[in-house]
Structures are given as C-alpha cells and as structure tokens.
Amino acid sequence: MTLHDFKDSLLADSPPHLSIYLQALWYDAKSDWEKAHNLIQEVNDEKAAWIHAYLHRKEGDIGNADYWYRRARKTRPDISLNDEWENISNALL
C-alpha cells in the first residue's frame, strides 16, 4: 500500500486490513483521536511510542509527547502535524 492508497482509504467508513499502527493513524486522520490513542497505548514498542508521541503532540500535551518521543528514540520534530502524520505513515507502510 502506498501513502496515496492509505489516504484514499480515509474515504471509507472503516479501515482496510492494516497493522495496529496504521489503524491508529487511520483513526486519527478520521478525527477520532480517542480511538487512535486507545489502539496504540497498549502496544509497547518504538513504533507505537512514535505514534503515541505524535498523538500527544497533536493534543497539545508537549511534556507527555516528549516522554513518548524519547521512548521512540526520536526528537520532537519542528514540522506540521500533517507532515509528521505523513512521515510516520510512510515509514510504517
């Protein structure tokens, strides 16, 4: 699946068969932050931590976001949330 295909899937009412990581990003893009957060918060690896960081950055909880970026071995980016969403999506597709 390409990023273009992933974005096109946002027109549907439910996500296609995706990893838990991409499901979280899919729900976030559909404006369901809670669902995205609930999906990813129980996964304990660096990819999940990266998404968790992004979600808390989006929420505006920068302290919590920075904690999750450290767990993901990333630094908080100085880019738009949309660009970060695309970067994470591309990395996980």
N, C-alpha and C. Protein backbone atom coordinates (compact mmCIF):
# COMPACT_ATOMS: atom_id res chain seq x y z
N MET A 1 0.85 -1.17 0.00
CA MET A 1 0.00 0.00 0.00
C MET A 1 0.90 1.24 0.00
N THR A 2 0.54 2.20 -0.81
CA THR A 2 1.28 3.47 -0.86
C THR A 2 0.60 4.49 0.05
N LEU A 3 1.27 5.59 0.29
CA LEU A 3 0.66 6.66 1.07
C LEU A 3 -0.60 7.16 0.38
N HIS A 4 -0.57 7.23 -0.93
CA HIS A 4 -1.75 7.66 -1.69
C HIS A 4 -2.92 6.70 -1.44
N ASP A 5 -2.65 5.41 -1.49
CA ASP A 5 -3.69 4.41 -1.22
C ASP A 5 -4.22 4.53 0.20
N PHE A 6 -3.30 4.73 1.14
CA PHE A 6 -3.68 4.87 2.55
C PHE A 6 -4.59 6.09 2.73
N LYS A 7 -4.22 7.20 2.12
CA LYS A 7 -5.06 8.40 2.21
C LYS A 7 -6.42 8.17 1.54
N ASP A 8 -6.43 7.49 0.41
CA ASP A 8 -7.69 7.18 -0.27
C ASP A 8 -8.61 6.33 0.61
N SER A 9 -8.02 5.47 1.43
CA SER A 9 -8.83 4.61 2.30
C SER A 9 -9.59 5.41 3.36
N LEU A 10 -9.20 6.66 3.56
CA LEU A 10 -9.88 7.51 4.54
C LEU A 10 -11.29 7.89 4.09
N LEU A 11 -11.60 7.64 2.83
CA LEU A 11 -12.95 7.90 2.33
C LEU A 11 -13.95 6.84 2.80
N ALA A 12 -13.45 5.71 3.25
CA ALA A 12 -14.30 4.61 3.71
C ALA A 12 -14.74 4.85 5.15
N ASP A 13 -15.76 4.08 5.56
CA ASP A 13 -16.26 4.19 6.93
C ASP A 13 -15.45 3.39 7.93
N SER A 14 -14.69 2.42 7.44
CA SER A 14 -13.84 1.63 8.32
C SER A 14 -12.50 1.39 7.61
N PRO A 15 -11.46 1.14 8.39
CA PRO A 15 -10.15 0.99 7.76
C PRO A 15 -10.02 -0.35 7.04
N PRO A 16 -9.17 -0.38 6.03
CA PRO A 16 -8.86 -1.67 5.40
C PRO A 16 -8.03 -2.49 6.38
N HIS A 17 -7.69 -3.70 6.00
CA HIS A 17 -6.85 -4.54 6.87
C HIS A 17 -5.48 -3.88 7.00
N LEU A 18 -5.20 -3.38 8.22
CA LEU A 18 -3.96 -2.64 8.48
C LEU A 18 -3.33 -3.11 9.78
N SER A 19 -2.05 -2.83 9.94
CA SER A 19 -1.40 -3.08 11.22
C SER A 19 -2.05 -2.18 12.28
N ILE A 20 -1.84 -2.51 13.54
CA ILE A 20 -2.39 -1.70 14.63
C ILE A 20 -1.86 -0.27 14.55
N TYR A 21 -0.61 -0.12 14.09
CA TYR A 21 -0.01 1.20 13.97
C TYR A 21 -0.75 2.05 12.93
N LEU A 22 -0.98 1.46 11.77
CA LEU A 22 -1.67 2.19 10.71
C LEU A 22 -3.15 2.39 11.03
N GLN A 23 -3.74 1.46 11.75
CA GLN A 23 -5.11 1.67 12.20
C GLN A 23 -5.20 2.92 13.08
N ALA A 24 -4.25 3.07 13.99
CA ALA A 24 -4.24 4.24 14.88
C ALA A 24 -4.11 5.52 14.05
N LEU A 25 -3.21 5.53 13.08
CA LEU A 25 -3.05 6.71 12.24
C LEU A 25 -4.29 6.96 11.39
N TRP A 26 -4.92 5.88 10.94
CA TRP A 26 -6.15 6.00 10.14
C TRP A 26 -7.25 6.68 10.96
N TYR A 27 -7.46 6.19 12.18
CA TYR A 27 -8.50 6.78 13.03
C TYR A 27 -8.16 8.22 13.40
N ASP A 28 -6.90 8.50 13.63
CA ASP A 28 -6.51 9.89 13.90
C ASP A 28 -6.88 10.78 12.72
N ALA A 29 -6.58 10.33 11.50
CA ALA A 29 -6.90 11.12 10.32
C ALA A 29 -8.40 11.29 10.13
N LYS A 30 -9.18 10.38 10.69
CA LYS A 30 -10.64 10.47 10.62
C LYS A 30 -11.21 11.27 11.80
N SER A 31 -10.33 11.99 12.51
CA SER A 31 -10.70 12.84 13.64
C SER A 31 -11.21 12.06 14.84
N ASP A 32 -10.73 10.84 14.99
CA ASP A 32 -11.08 10.04 16.17
C ASP A 32 -9.81 9.80 16.99
N TRP A 33 -9.35 10.88 17.64
CA TRP A 33 -8.14 10.83 18.44
C TRP A 33 -8.25 9.77 19.53
N GLU A 34 -9.39 9.70 20.19
CA GLU A 34 -9.59 8.73 21.28
C GLU A 34 -9.37 7.30 20.81
N LYS A 35 -9.99 6.95 19.70
CA LYS A 35 -9.84 5.59 19.16
C LYS A 35 -8.38 5.32 18.80
N ALA A 36 -7.74 6.29 18.17
CA ALA A 36 -6.33 6.14 17.82
C ALA A 36 -5.48 5.92 19.07
N HIS A 37 -5.72 6.72 20.08
CA HIS A 37 -4.95 6.61 21.32
C HIS A 37 -5.22 5.28 22.01
N ASN A 38 -6.48 4.88 22.07
CA ASN A 38 -6.82 3.61 22.72
C ASN A 38 -6.17 2.43 22.02
N LEU A 39 -6.08 2.47 20.71
CA LEU A 39 -5.46 1.38 19.96
C LEU A 39 -3.96 1.27 20.25
N ILE A 40 -3.30 2.41 20.33
CA ILE A 40 -1.84 2.39 20.38
C ILE A 40 -1.28 2.36 21.79
N GLN A 41 -2.06 2.75 22.77
CA GLN A 41 -1.50 2.88 24.12
C GLN A 41 -1.11 1.55 24.76
N GLU A 42 -1.66 0.45 24.29
CA GLU A 42 -1.33 -0.85 24.86
C GLU A 42 -0.17 -1.55 24.16
N VAL A 43 0.32 -0.96 23.07
CA VAL A 43 1.42 -1.56 22.32
C VAL A 43 2.73 -0.99 22.88
N ASN A 44 3.68 -1.86 23.15
CA ASN A 44 4.89 -1.43 23.84
C ASN A 44 6.13 -1.64 22.97
N ASP A 45 6.27 -0.80 21.96
CA ASP A 45 7.48 -0.82 21.15
C ASP A 45 7.75 0.59 20.62
N GLU A 46 8.86 0.76 19.92
CA GLU A 46 9.25 2.09 19.48
C GLU A 46 8.30 2.69 18.44
N LYS A 47 7.75 1.85 17.58
CA LYS A 47 6.81 2.38 16.57
C LYS A 47 5.56 2.92 17.26
N ALA A 48 5.04 2.19 18.22
CA ALA A 48 3.87 2.64 18.96
C ALA A 48 4.19 3.91 19.74
N ALA A 49 5.38 3.97 20.33
CA ALA A 49 5.78 5.15 21.09
C ALA A 49 5.83 6.38 20.18
N TRP A 50 6.28 6.20 18.94
CA TRP A 50 6.34 7.30 17.99
C TRP A 50 4.93 7.83 17.70
N ILE A 51 4.01 6.94 17.45
CA ILE A 51 2.63 7.35 17.20
C ILE A 51 2.04 7.99 18.45
N HIS A 52 2.31 7.39 19.60
CA HIS A 52 1.82 7.92 20.87
C HIS A 52 2.34 9.36 21.07
N ALA A 53 3.62 9.57 20.75
CA ALA A 53 4.21 10.90 20.85
C ALA A 53 3.49 11.89 19.95
N TYR A 54 3.30 11.49 18.70
CA TYR A 54 2.59 12.34 17.74
C TYR A 54 1.20 12.69 18.25
N LEU A 55 0.47 11.70 18.77
CA LEU A 55 -0.89 11.95 19.25
C LEU A 55 -0.90 12.94 20.41
N HIS A 56 0.06 12.81 21.33
CA HIS A 56 0.09 13.76 22.44
C HIS A 56 0.57 15.14 21.99
N ARG A 57 1.43 15.19 20.99
CA ARG A 57 1.80 16.49 20.41
C ARG A 57 0.56 17.13 19.79
N LYS A 58 -0.21 16.36 19.09
CA LYS A 58 -1.43 16.88 18.47
C LYS A 58 -2.41 17.37 19.53
N GLU A 59 -2.47 16.64 20.63
CA GLU A 59 -3.35 17.01 21.73
C GLU A 59 -2.90 18.30 22.42
N GLY A 60 -1.62 18.62 22.26
CA GLY A 60 -1.07 19.82 22.90
C GLY A 60 -0.37 19.52 24.21
N ASP A 61 -0.23 18.26 24.55
CA ASP A 61 0.44 17.84 25.79
C ASP A 61 1.91 17.58 25.46
N ILE A 62 2.68 18.65 25.36
CA ILE A 62 4.06 18.57 24.87
C ILE A 62 4.96 17.79 25.83
N GLY A 63 4.78 17.96 27.13
CA GLY A 63 5.59 17.21 28.09
C GLY A 63 5.42 15.72 27.91
N ASN A 64 4.18 15.28 27.79
CA ASN A 64 3.89 13.86 27.58
C ASN A 64 4.40 13.41 26.21
N ALA A 65 4.22 14.26 25.21
CA ALA A 65 4.72 13.93 23.87
C ALA A 65 6.23 13.71 23.91
N ASP A 66 6.95 14.60 24.58
CA ASP A 66 8.41 14.47 24.64
C ASP A 66 8.83 13.18 25.33
N TYR A 67 8.09 12.78 26.36
CA TYR A 67 8.36 11.49 27.01
C TYR A 67 8.26 10.37 25.98
N TRP A 68 7.20 10.36 25.17
CA TRP A 68 6.99 9.30 24.19
C TRP A 68 7.99 9.39 23.04
N TYR A 69 8.39 10.60 22.65
CA TYR A 69 9.45 10.71 21.63
C TYR A 69 10.74 10.08 22.14
N ARG A 70 11.08 10.30 23.41
CA ARG A 70 12.27 9.67 23.97
C ARG A 70 12.14 8.15 23.93
N ARG A 71 10.96 7.62 24.28
CA ARG A 71 10.75 6.17 24.23
C ARG A 71 10.88 5.64 22.80
N ALA A 72 10.53 6.48 21.84
CA ALA A 72 10.62 6.09 20.42
C ALA A 72 12.02 6.33 19.85
N ARG A 73 12.90 6.92 20.67
CA ARG A 73 14.25 7.29 20.22
C ARG A 73 14.21 8.29 19.08
N LYS A 74 13.28 9.24 19.25
CA LYS A 74 13.09 10.32 18.27
C LYS A 74 13.12 11.65 19.02
N THR A 75 13.28 12.72 18.27
CA THR A 75 13.12 14.05 18.85
C THR A 75 11.85 14.65 18.28
N ARG A 76 11.22 15.51 19.06
CA ARG A 76 10.01 16.18 18.59
C ARG A 76 10.36 16.98 17.34
N PRO A 77 9.67 16.74 16.24
CA PRO A 77 10.00 17.44 15.00
C PRO A 77 9.47 18.87 15.00
N ASP A 78 10.10 19.67 14.19
CA ASP A 78 9.67 21.05 14.00
C ASP A 78 9.00 21.17 12.64
N ILE A 79 7.97 20.34 12.46
CA ILE A 79 7.20 20.32 11.22
C ILE A 79 5.71 20.32 11.60
N SER A 80 4.87 20.49 10.62
CA SER A 80 3.44 20.48 10.88
C SER A 80 2.99 19.09 11.33
N LEU A 81 1.87 19.05 12.01
CA LEU A 81 1.30 17.76 12.40
C LEU A 81 0.96 16.91 11.18
N ASN A 82 0.46 17.55 10.14
CA ASN A 82 0.15 16.82 8.91
C ASN A 82 1.40 16.20 8.31
N ASP A 83 2.49 16.96 8.28
CA ASP A 83 3.74 16.41 7.74
C ASP A 83 4.24 15.26 8.60
N GLU A 84 4.11 15.39 9.92
CA GLU A 84 4.55 14.30 10.78
C GLU A 84 3.69 13.06 10.57
N TRP A 85 2.38 13.25 10.44
CA TRP A 85 1.47 12.13 10.17
C TRP A 85 1.92 11.41 8.90
N GLU A 86 2.22 12.17 7.85
CA GLU A 86 2.66 11.57 6.60
C GLU A 86 4.01 10.86 6.76
N ASN A 87 4.93 11.45 7.50
CA ASN A 87 6.24 10.82 7.72
C ASN A 87 6.09 9.49 8.44
N ILE A 88 5.28 9.47 9.49
CA ILE A 88 5.08 8.24 10.23
C ILE A 88 4.39 7.21 9.34
N SER A 89 3.35 7.62 8.65
CA SER A 89 2.63 6.72 7.76
C SER A 89 3.56 6.11 6.73
N ASN A 90 4.35 6.95 6.08
CA ASN A 90 5.30 6.46 5.06
C ASN A 90 6.28 5.46 5.66
N ALA A 91 6.76 5.74 6.84
CA ALA A 91 7.73 4.85 7.48
C ALA A 91 7.12 3.49 7.81
N LEU A 92 5.82 3.45 8.07
CA LEU A 92 5.17 2.21 8.50
C LEU A 92 4.45 1.46 7.38
N LEU A 93 4.32 2.08 6.23
CA LEU A 93 3.64 1.41 5.10
C LEU A 93 4.57 0.41 4.44
